[in-house]
Protein backbone atom coordinates (compact mmCIF):
# COMPACT_ATOMS: atom_id res chain seq x y z
CA UNK A 1 -178.41 -70.94 -86.24
CA UNK A 2 -179.15 -72.55 -89.59
CA UNK A 3 -176.91 -71.25 -92.35
CA UNK A 4 -176.98 -71.78 -96.07
CA UNK A 5 -175.02 -74.41 -97.95
CA UNK A 6 -174.14 -73.14 -101.39
CA UNK A 7 -172.99 -75.43 -104.19
CA UNK A 8 -169.31 -74.59 -104.26
CA UNK A 9 -166.32 -76.01 -106.11
CA UNK A 10 -163.60 -77.70 -104.05
CA UNK A 11 -160.51 -75.76 -103.09
CA UNK A 12 -158.34 -75.22 -106.16
CA UNK A 13 -161.09 -75.97 -108.68
CA UNK A 14 -161.10 -73.83 -111.80
CA UNK A 15 -164.00 -71.60 -112.78
CA UNK A 16 -164.06 -71.59 -116.60
CA UNK A 17 -166.72 -68.88 -116.91
CA UNK A 18 -164.89 -66.51 -114.59
CA UNK A 19 -161.58 -67.21 -116.27
CA UNK A 20 -163.23 -66.45 -119.62
CA UNK A 21 -164.44 -63.08 -118.30
CA UNK A 22 -160.93 -62.40 -116.98
CA UNK A 23 -159.41 -63.21 -120.40
CA UNK A 24 -161.92 -61.00 -122.24
CA UNK A 25 -161.18 -58.04 -119.97
CA UNK A 26 -157.43 -58.52 -120.48
CA UNK A 27 -157.92 -58.52 -124.26
CA UNK A 28 -160.04 -55.37 -124.10
CA UNK A 29 -157.45 -53.62 -121.91
CA UNK A 30 -154.53 -54.37 -124.21
CA UNK A 31 -156.46 -53.70 -127.42
CA UNK A 32 -154.92 -51.03 -129.67
CA UNK A 33 -156.44 -47.64 -130.38
CA UNK A 34 -159.51 -46.11 -128.80
CA UNK A 35 -160.91 -49.39 -127.47
CA UNK A 36 -157.85 -50.13 -125.34
CA UNK A 37 -157.42 -46.53 -124.18
CA UNK A 38 -161.07 -46.24 -123.14
CA UNK A 39 -161.01 -49.63 -121.39
CA UNK A 40 -157.89 -48.83 -119.39
CA UNK A 41 -159.26 -45.43 -118.37
CA UNK A 42 -162.59 -46.91 -117.29
CA UNK A 43 -160.85 -49.62 -115.29
CA UNK A 44 -158.75 -46.96 -113.60
CA UNK A 45 -161.86 -44.91 -112.80
CA UNK A 46 -163.69 -47.95 -111.42
CA UNK A 47 -160.69 -48.76 -109.21
CA UNK A 48 -160.00 -45.32 -107.71
CA UNK A 49 -163.65 -44.22 -107.60
CA UNK A 50 -165.22 -47.40 -106.21
CA UNK A 51 -163.02 -50.43 -105.50
CA UNK A 52 -160.63 -48.76 -103.05
CA UNK A 53 -163.52 -47.28 -101.07
CA UNK A 54 -165.26 -50.66 -100.96
CA UNK A 55 -162.02 -52.18 -99.68
CA UNK A 56 -161.67 -49.52 -96.97
CA UNK A 57 -165.28 -49.96 -95.84
CA UNK A 58 -165.04 -53.75 -95.68
CA UNK A 59 -161.73 -53.65 -93.85
CA UNK A 60 -163.14 -51.30 -91.20
CA UNK A 61 -166.30 -53.41 -90.83
CA UNK A 62 -164.59 -56.81 -90.65
CA UNK A 63 -161.68 -55.49 -88.65
CA UNK A 64 -164.00 -54.06 -86.00
CA UNK A 65 -165.94 -57.32 -85.92
CA UNK A 66 -162.70 -59.22 -85.28
CA UNK A 67 -161.34 -56.80 -82.67
CA UNK A 68 -164.53 -56.47 -80.64
CA UNK A 69 -165.61 -60.12 -81.15
CA UNK A 70 -169.21 -59.07 -81.72
CA UNK A 71 -171.50 -61.93 -82.79
CA UNK A 72 -174.31 -60.40 -84.81
CA UNK A 73 -176.35 -63.60 -84.94
CA UNK A 74 -176.41 -63.97 -81.15
CA UNK A 75 -177.38 -60.33 -80.63
CA UNK A 76 -180.22 -60.69 -83.12
CA UNK A 77 -181.56 -63.81 -81.42
CA UNK A 78 -181.64 -62.05 -78.04
CA UNK A 79 -183.12 -58.78 -79.33
CA UNK A 80 -186.79 -59.71 -78.74
CA UNK A 81 -188.90 -56.55 -79.40
CA UNK A 82 -185.93 -54.84 -81.06
CA UNK A 83 -185.56 -57.59 -83.68
CA UNK A 84 -187.23 -55.65 -86.49
CA UNK A 85 -185.19 -52.43 -86.05
CA UNK A 86 -181.99 -54.45 -85.64
CA UNK A 87 -182.83 -56.53 -88.72
CA UNK A 88 -183.45 -53.34 -90.70
CA UNK A 89 -180.15 -51.92 -89.44
CA UNK A 90 -178.29 -55.04 -90.55
CA UNK A 91 -180.00 -54.84 -93.92
CA UNK A 92 -179.16 -51.17 -94.42
CA UNK A 93 -175.43 -51.71 -93.87
CA UNK A 94 -173.54 -51.88 -97.19
CA UNK A 95 -173.23 -55.34 -98.66
CA UNK A 96 -175.38 -58.41 -98.10
CA UNK A 97 -173.82 -60.00 -95.02
CA UNK A 98 -176.22 -58.50 -92.49
CA UNK A 99 -179.30 -59.49 -94.46
CA UNK A 100 -178.00 -63.05 -94.86
CA UNK A 101 -177.63 -63.36 -91.07
CA UNK A 102 -181.27 -62.33 -90.58
CA UNK A 103 -182.55 -64.76 -93.21
CA UNK A 104 -180.63 -67.61 -91.59
CA UNK A 105 -181.90 -66.59 -88.14
CA UNK A 106 -185.50 -66.74 -89.37
CA UNK A 107 -185.12 -70.23 -90.83
CA UNK A 108 -183.68 -71.48 -87.54
CA UNK A 109 -186.52 -69.96 -85.54
CA UNK A 110 -184.68 -67.09 -83.85
CA UNK A 111 -186.56 -64.14 -85.40
CA UNK A 112 -190.01 -63.49 -86.86
CA UNK A 113 -191.02 -63.01 -90.47
CA UNK A 114 -191.25 -59.24 -89.96
CA UNK A 115 -187.49 -59.21 -89.40
CA UNK A 116 -186.97 -60.89 -92.79
CA UNK A 117 -189.16 -58.33 -94.56
CA UNK A 118 -187.41 -55.52 -92.68
CA UNK A 119 -183.90 -56.61 -93.65
CA UNK A 120 -184.74 -57.38 -97.30
CA UNK A 121 -186.58 -54.07 -97.64
CA UNK A 122 -183.75 -52.09 -96.04
CA UNK A 123 -180.87 -53.70 -97.90
CA UNK A 124 -179.35 -52.17 -101.01
CA UNK A 125 -176.72 -54.87 -101.27
CA UNK A 126 -173.37 -54.21 -102.87
CA UNK A 127 -174.82 -51.31 -104.87
CA UNK A 128 -174.61 -49.32 -101.62
CA UNK A 129 -170.80 -49.39 -101.84
CA UNK A 130 -170.91 -47.85 -105.30
CA UNK A 131 -173.31 -45.12 -104.17
CA UNK A 132 -171.30 -44.30 -101.04
CA UNK A 133 -168.08 -44.06 -103.02
CA UNK A 134 -169.43 -41.85 -105.80
CA UNK A 135 -172.44 -39.96 -104.39
CA UNK A 136 -172.18 -39.95 -100.58
CA UNK A 137 -174.79 -37.18 -100.44
CA UNK A 138 -177.33 -39.47 -102.11
CA UNK A 139 -176.28 -42.40 -99.94
CA UNK A 140 -177.04 -40.30 -96.85
CA UNK A 141 -180.63 -40.08 -98.10
CA UNK A 142 -181.19 -43.54 -99.57
CA UNK A 143 -179.75 -45.69 -96.77
CA UNK A 144 -181.52 -43.98 -93.83
CA UNK A 145 -184.80 -43.91 -95.79
CA UNK A 146 -184.46 -47.61 -96.59
CA UNK A 147 -183.76 -48.27 -92.91
CA UNK A 148 -186.91 -46.45 -91.78
CA UNK A 149 -189.07 -48.04 -94.49
CA UNK A 150 -187.68 -51.45 -93.48
CA UNK A 151 -188.67 -50.93 -89.85
CA UNK A 152 -192.19 -49.81 -90.72
CA UNK A 153 -192.64 -52.67 -93.20
CA UNK A 154 -191.41 -55.23 -90.68
CA UNK A 155 -193.68 -53.98 -87.92
CA UNK A 156 -196.69 -53.99 -90.23
CA UNK A 157 -195.96 -57.55 -91.33
CA UNK A 158 -195.61 -58.75 -87.73
CA UNK A 159 -198.88 -56.98 -86.90
CA UNK A 160 -201.02 -58.29 -89.74
CA UNK A 161 -199.35 -61.40 -91.19
CA UNK A 162 -200.72 -64.58 -89.62
CA UNK A 163 -199.22 -67.17 -91.97
CA UNK A 164 -196.13 -69.14 -90.93
CA UNK A 165 -193.63 -69.57 -93.77
CA UNK A 166 -190.87 -71.19 -91.73
CA UNK A 167 -189.93 -74.75 -92.61
CA UNK A 168 -190.00 -77.21 -89.72
CA UNK A 169 -186.74 -78.89 -90.74
CA UNK A 170 -183.80 -76.75 -91.80
CA UNK A 171 -180.33 -78.19 -92.08
CA UNK A 172 -177.47 -76.35 -90.45
CA UNK A 173 -174.35 -75.94 -92.54
CA UNK A 174 -171.74 -73.48 -93.71
CA UNK A 175 -172.48 -70.31 -95.59
CA UNK A 176 -169.12 -70.27 -97.33
CA UNK A 177 -165.96 -72.39 -97.29
CA UNK A 178 -163.20 -71.32 -94.94
CA UNK A 179 -160.08 -70.17 -96.76
CA UNK A 180 -158.31 -70.39 -93.44
CA UNK A 181 -155.13 -68.40 -93.96
CA UNK A 182 -153.90 -64.94 -94.89
CA UNK A 183 -152.53 -65.14 -98.44
CA UNK A 184 -149.91 -63.04 -100.27
CA UNK A 185 -152.55 -61.77 -102.70
CA UNK A 186 -154.60 -60.40 -99.79
CA UNK A 187 -151.67 -58.36 -98.50
CA UNK A 188 -150.73 -57.22 -102.01
CA UNK A 189 -154.30 -56.13 -102.67
CA UNK A 190 -154.18 -53.92 -99.58
CA UNK A 191 -150.80 -52.45 -100.56
CA UNK A 192 -152.17 -51.49 -103.99
CA UNK A 193 -155.43 -50.18 -102.54
CA UNK A 194 -153.68 -47.70 -100.21
CA UNK A 195 -152.28 -45.43 -102.97
CA UNK A 196 -155.50 -45.95 -104.93
CA UNK A 197 -157.46 -44.71 -101.93
CA UNK A 198 -155.25 -41.63 -101.66
CA UNK A 199 -155.93 -40.80 -105.31
CA UNK A 200 -159.66 -41.47 -104.97
CA UNK A 201 -159.94 -39.31 -101.86
CA UNK A 202 -158.02 -36.52 -103.61
CA UNK A 203 -160.45 -36.68 -106.54
CA UNK A 204 -163.34 -36.17 -104.13
CA UNK A 205 -161.60 -32.94 -103.12
CA UNK A 206 -161.18 -31.94 -106.78
CA UNK A 207 -157.42 -32.61 -106.64
CA UNK A 208 -155.83 -34.61 -109.46
CA UNK A 209 -152.92 -36.92 -108.69
CA UNK A 210 -151.24 -38.62 -111.64
CA UNK A 211 -148.30 -40.27 -109.86
CA UNK A 212 -147.68 -41.89 -106.47
CA UNK A 213 -143.98 -42.27 -105.50
CA UNK A 214 -143.12 -41.68 -109.14
CA UNK A 215 -145.39 -44.48 -110.38
CA UNK A 216 -148.28 -43.52 -112.73
CA UNK A 217 -151.58 -44.10 -111.01
CA UNK A 218 -152.77 -45.82 -114.19
CA UNK A 219 -150.30 -48.64 -113.57
CA UNK A 220 -151.25 -48.96 -109.90
CA UNK A 221 -154.97 -49.00 -110.71
CA UNK A 222 -154.57 -51.58 -113.46
CA UNK A 223 -152.40 -53.74 -111.20
CA UNK A 224 -155.04 -53.59 -108.48
CA UNK A 225 -157.80 -54.24 -110.99
CA UNK A 226 -156.19 -57.32 -112.51
CA UNK A 227 -155.12 -58.68 -109.14
CA UNK A 228 -158.77 -58.39 -108.12
CA UNK A 229 -159.86 -60.15 -111.30
CA UNK A 230 -157.36 -62.92 -110.58
CA UNK A 231 -158.66 -63.33 -107.02
CA UNK A 232 -162.26 -63.43 -108.27
CA UNK A 233 -161.65 -65.79 -111.18
CA UNK A 234 -159.79 -68.34 -109.03
CA UNK A 235 -161.93 -67.99 -105.89
CA UNK A 236 -163.67 -70.91 -104.21
CA UNK A 237 -166.42 -68.55 -103.06
CA UNK A 238 -169.67 -67.58 -104.70
CA UNK A 239 -169.70 -64.06 -103.22
CA UNK A 240 -169.79 -64.07 -99.41
CA UNK A 241 -166.77 -64.91 -97.24
CA UNK A 242 -166.58 -67.04 -94.13
CA UNK A 243 -166.85 -65.10 -90.87
CA UNK A 244 -163.75 -66.81 -89.45
CA UNK A 245 -161.44 -65.78 -92.30
CA UNK A 246 -158.91 -62.97 -91.79
CA UNK A 247 -160.33 -59.45 -92.37
CA UNK A 248 -157.77 -58.84 -95.15
CA UNK A 249 -158.84 -62.03 -96.92
CA UNK A 250 -162.50 -61.10 -96.62
CA UNK A 251 -161.76 -57.59 -97.87
CA UNK A 252 -159.80 -58.81 -100.92
CA UNK A 253 -162.34 -61.48 -101.86
CA UNK A 254 -165.51 -59.41 -101.51
CA UNK A 255 -164.03 -56.25 -103.03
CA UNK A 256 -162.89 -58.28 -106.04
CA UNK A 257 -166.37 -59.73 -106.48
CA UNK A 258 -168.05 -56.31 -106.31
CA UNK A 259 -165.43 -54.73 -108.59
CA UNK A 260 -166.20 -57.13 -111.43
CA UNK A 261 -169.79 -55.89 -111.55
CA UNK A 262 -168.68 -52.26 -111.30
CA UNK A 263 -166.20 -52.69 -114.16
CA UNK A 264 -168.90 -54.39 -116.23
CA UNK A 265 -171.34 -51.55 -115.62
CA UNK A 266 -168.74 -48.87 -116.42
CA UNK A 267 -167.68 -50.59 -119.65
CA UNK A 268 -171.20 -51.37 -120.81
CA UNK A 269 -172.39 -47.78 -120.45
CA UNK A 270 -169.40 -46.12 -122.13
CA UNK A 271 -169.05 -48.71 -124.88
CA UNK A 272 -172.68 -48.17 -125.89
CA UNK A 273 -172.34 -44.39 -125.76
CA UNK A 274 -168.96 -44.26 -127.54
CA UNK A 275 -169.04 -47.02 -130.13
CA UNK A 276 -172.79 -47.37 -130.79
CA UNK A 277 -173.44 -43.64 -130.63
CA UNK A 278 -176.50 -44.16 -128.46
CA UNK A 279 -177.66 -41.32 -126.23
CA UNK A 280 -178.84 -43.54 -123.39
CA UNK A 281 -180.20 -40.67 -121.31
CA UNK A 282 -182.33 -39.39 -124.18
CA UNK A 283 -183.54 -42.90 -124.98
CA UNK A 284 -184.72 -43.43 -121.40
CA UNK A 285 -186.48 -40.05 -121.35
CA UNK A 286 -189.09 -41.43 -123.77
CA UNK A 287 -190.23 -43.93 -121.12
CA UNK A 288 -189.66 -41.73 -118.08
CA UNK A 289 -192.90 -42.68 -116.23
CA UNK A 290 -191.96 -46.35 -116.43
CA UNK A 291 -188.43 -45.97 -115.08
CA UNK A 292 -189.31 -46.36 -111.37
CA UNK A 293 -191.37 -49.47 -112.16
CA UNK A 294 -188.58 -50.93 -114.30
CA UNK A 295 -186.03 -50.31 -111.54
CA UNK A 296 -188.32 -51.96 -108.98
CA UNK A 297 -188.76 -55.03 -111.21
CA UNK A 298 -184.99 -55.24 -111.70
CA UNK A 299 -184.73 -55.25 -107.92
CA UNK A 300 -186.55 -58.59 -107.85
CA UNK A 301 -183.65 -60.23 -109.71
CA UNK A 302 -181.41 -62.11 -107.24
CA UNK A 303 -177.84 -60.89 -106.96
CA UNK A 304 -176.12 -57.52 -106.87
CA UNK A 305 -175.07 -57.17 -110.51
CA UNK A 306 -178.36 -55.80 -111.88
CA UNK A 307 -178.64 -53.46 -108.90
CA UNK A 308 -175.14 -52.09 -109.49
CA UNK A 309 -176.23 -51.38 -113.08
CA UNK A 310 -179.27 -49.38 -111.90
CA UNK A 311 -177.04 -47.34 -109.57
CA UNK A 312 -174.60 -46.74 -112.43
CA UNK A 313 -177.44 -45.48 -114.63
CA UNK A 314 -178.46 -43.08 -111.85
CA UNK A 315 -174.88 -41.84 -111.44
CA UNK A 316 -174.75 -41.14 -115.19
CA UNK A 317 -178.01 -39.17 -115.07
CA UNK A 318 -179.94 -41.75 -117.08
CA UNK A 319 -182.56 -42.64 -114.47
CA UNK A 320 -184.00 -40.34 -111.78
CA UNK A 321 -183.61 -40.61 -108.03
CA UNK A 322 -187.13 -42.05 -107.89
CA UNK A 323 -185.94 -45.12 -109.83
CA UNK A 324 -182.89 -45.51 -107.59
CA UNK A 325 -185.04 -45.27 -104.47
CA UNK A 326 -187.55 -47.82 -105.75
CA UNK A 327 -184.76 -50.23 -106.67
CA UNK A 328 -182.99 -49.75 -103.33
CA UNK A 329 -186.13 -50.87 -101.49
CA UNK A 330 -187.18 -53.70 -103.81
CA UNK A 331 -183.72 -55.24 -104.31
CA UNK A 332 -182.44 -57.92 -101.95
CA UNK A 333 -178.97 -58.30 -103.44
CA UNK A 334 -177.17 -61.56 -102.74
CA UNK A 335 -179.30 -62.07 -99.63
CA UNK A 336 -182.07 -63.44 -101.86
CA UNK A 337 -179.95 -66.49 -102.76
CA UNK A 338 -179.80 -67.89 -99.21
CA UNK A 339 -183.42 -66.87 -98.67
CA UNK A 340 -184.50 -68.96 -101.67
CA UNK A 341 -182.30 -71.88 -100.67
CA UNK A 342 -183.40 -71.94 -97.03
CA UNK A 343 -187.06 -71.07 -97.48
CA UNK A 344 -188.28 -70.32 -101.02
CA UNK A 345 -191.85 -69.55 -99.96
CA UNK A 346 -190.72 -66.99 -97.38
CA UNK A 347 -188.30 -65.46 -99.89
CA UNK A 348 -191.00 -64.98 -102.53
CA UNK A 349 -193.56 -63.55 -100.09
CA UNK A 350 -191.01 -61.19 -98.50
CA UNK A 351 -190.03 -59.93 -101.95
CA UNK A 352 -193.66 -59.36 -102.89
CA UNK A 353 -194.24 -57.48 -99.63
CA UNK A 354 -191.23 -55.24 -100.36
CA UNK A 355 -192.79 -54.23 -103.68
CA UNK A 356 -195.47 -52.20 -101.89
CA UNK A 357 -193.16 -49.69 -100.12
CA UNK A 358 -190.92 -49.66 -103.22
CA UNK A 359 -193.83 -48.49 -105.40
CA UNK A 360 -194.93 -45.94 -102.80
CA UNK A 361 -191.45 -44.46 -102.37
CA UNK A 362 -190.44 -44.67 -106.02
CA UNK A 363 -193.52 -43.00 -107.44
CA UNK A 364 -193.82 -40.71 -104.43
CA UNK A 365 -190.50 -39.13 -105.37
CA UNK A 366 -191.33 -39.29 -109.09
CA UNK A 367 -194.56 -37.30 -108.79
CA UNK A 368 -193.94 -35.09 -105.77
CA UNK A 369 -190.17 -34.46 -105.89
CA UNK A 370 -189.14 -35.14 -109.49
CA UNK A 371 -185.89 -33.18 -109.35
CA UNK A 372 -184.74 -34.41 -105.95
CA UNK A 373 -181.05 -35.56 -105.86
CA UNK A 374 -180.88 -35.69 -109.66
């Protein structure tokens, strides 16, 4: 199977931009007065409300993959008539790994173009982790709907599309560098995530826990947050991890990457509301009919960061469910990066195709079920 080569720094290379972000967040967290207090509280909320649940989900997923030795790529290649539903299923799983596998399989000739459209339509990327952790009831609607829409879209494309977008020559190479060993920071991240998960689960049950084993949860959450920022800022990876790395390493790396975007979204929203005095919800109400379209257009942006922001706006009541649904279908998350690198023409056409069901679903909910899941 052909797999993407990303432009990656060598092992041990510094990432100045990431280190700068790390330094800025440290300064904000230790700032005196309201700025520091708000920053520390938001970081704690992001950790116990999202990061620990992302870590648990990834550990279960990658741990099961390791234990059962299930090769997703091989199963997809042998699926034949079930390729489109399986591709949609891989796309609808949280994160971008499943969609990347499908994109690579298409470029190497193992699946049809309908499978690509199905997986990119069904995927919500890393924003799915945020939604599952904070609004599982909404996730139980969005993810299955995206899965069904992905299957239908893929079948329609296979039925009516007659143009071949696959390149004849596609180089085979590694998706991500192999870290190759279980590191102390991976184990430490898990040890900090366990009490964080207990606190986060208790919050879902409307139970407040301020201390674990006599230690303030604020300290544990900040320790986990800054360990994650350290892992992210010194990582050799762009976002995805190598399939042969230890499940704990993959969990620590990918959770840290997702958490940076979540922290950014949390801080951006509350900073604007608190220090700029802007009522974001009221401001967006003036352009309410355009919100689904705006969310769909944001979905065309490669990467998971903008999509996490849209989900955060939904969670804060700023945008309606219709906008979230449109974005969930139109966004391809990090899977769009390998799609562009392996086959830019196929990536663009698949994204354009996904706009059609995104508009139908987004404005369908906007006009016919305006209050649904809001």
